[in-house]
Amino acid sequence: MEKDKKAPKEADSAAKAKQLAEKLRFRLKEASAQRGGSEAFLHWLRSDAKKGA
């Protein structure tokens, strides 16, 4: 009986994680396009990370 209660919760968590991953992927693609492609975006990320360190 406990297994039945847990399964929908796990399914909801998995669905929510997948939805959040899709949103993140979309935003990364959007940011990459705004910064001139993936190489420029990665350069921007790395330079921004160095500023915070």
Protein backbone atom coordinates (compact mmCIF):
# COMPACT_ATOMS: atom_id res chain seq x y z
CA MET A 1 0.00 0.00 0.00
CA GLU A 2 2.85 2.43 0.80
CA LYS A 3 4.36 1.69 -2.60
CA ASP A 4 1.19 2.99 -4.31
CA LYS A 5 1.40 6.28 -2.43
CA LYS A 6 5.08 6.77 -3.25
CA ALA A 7 4.89 6.03 -6.99
CA PRO A 8 2.76 9.05 -8.00
CA LYS A 9 5.01 11.35 -5.95
CA GLU A 10 8.10 10.01 -7.72
CA ALA A 11 6.38 10.36 -11.08
CA ASP A 12 5.48 13.98 -10.25
CA SER A 13 9.08 14.66 -9.20
CA ALA A 14 10.43 13.13 -12.39
CA ALA A 15 7.98 15.10 -14.52
CA LYS A 16 8.85 18.32 -12.71
CA ALA A 17 12.59 17.67 -13.11
CA LYS A 18 12.12 17.02 -16.83
CA GLN A 19 10.07 20.21 -17.20
CA LEU A 20 12.70 22.28 -15.38
CA ALA A 21 15.47 20.73 -17.52
CA GLU A 22 13.57 21.66 -20.68
CA LYS A 23 13.14 25.25 -19.46
CA LEU A 24 16.83 25.47 -18.63
CA ARG A 25 17.80 24.05 -22.01
CA PHE A 26 15.57 26.60 -23.75
CA ARG A 27 17.07 29.48 -21.77
CA LEU A 28 20.61 28.30 -22.45
CA LYS A 29 19.87 28.11 -26.19
CA GLU A 30 18.35 31.59 -26.03
CA ALA A 31 21.34 33.03 -24.16
CA SER A 32 23.73 31.30 -26.53
CA ALA A 33 22.00 32.84 -29.53
CA GLN A 34 22.12 36.31 -27.96
CA ARG A 35 25.86 36.01 -27.42
CA GLY A 36 26.80 34.83 -30.90
CA GLY A 37 26.76 31.05 -30.63
CA SER A 38 27.88 28.38 -28.24
CA GLU A 39 31.60 29.22 -28.29
CA ALA A 40 30.95 32.87 -27.45
CA PHE A 41 28.46 31.86 -24.77
CA LEU A 42 30.96 29.48 -23.14
CA HIS A 43 33.62 32.21 -23.25
CA TRP A 44 31.18 34.60 -21.58
CA LEU A 45 30.36 32.01 -18.89
CA ARG A 46 34.02 31.35 -18.17
CA SER A 47 34.93 35.03 -18.01
CA ASP A 48 31.96 35.73 -15.74
CA ALA A 49 32.98 32.86 -13.43
CA LYS A 50 36.50 34.29 -13.14
CA LYS A 51 35.08 37.64 -12.02
CA GLY A 52 33.18 35.95 -9.17
CA ALA A 53 36.20 33.94 -7.97
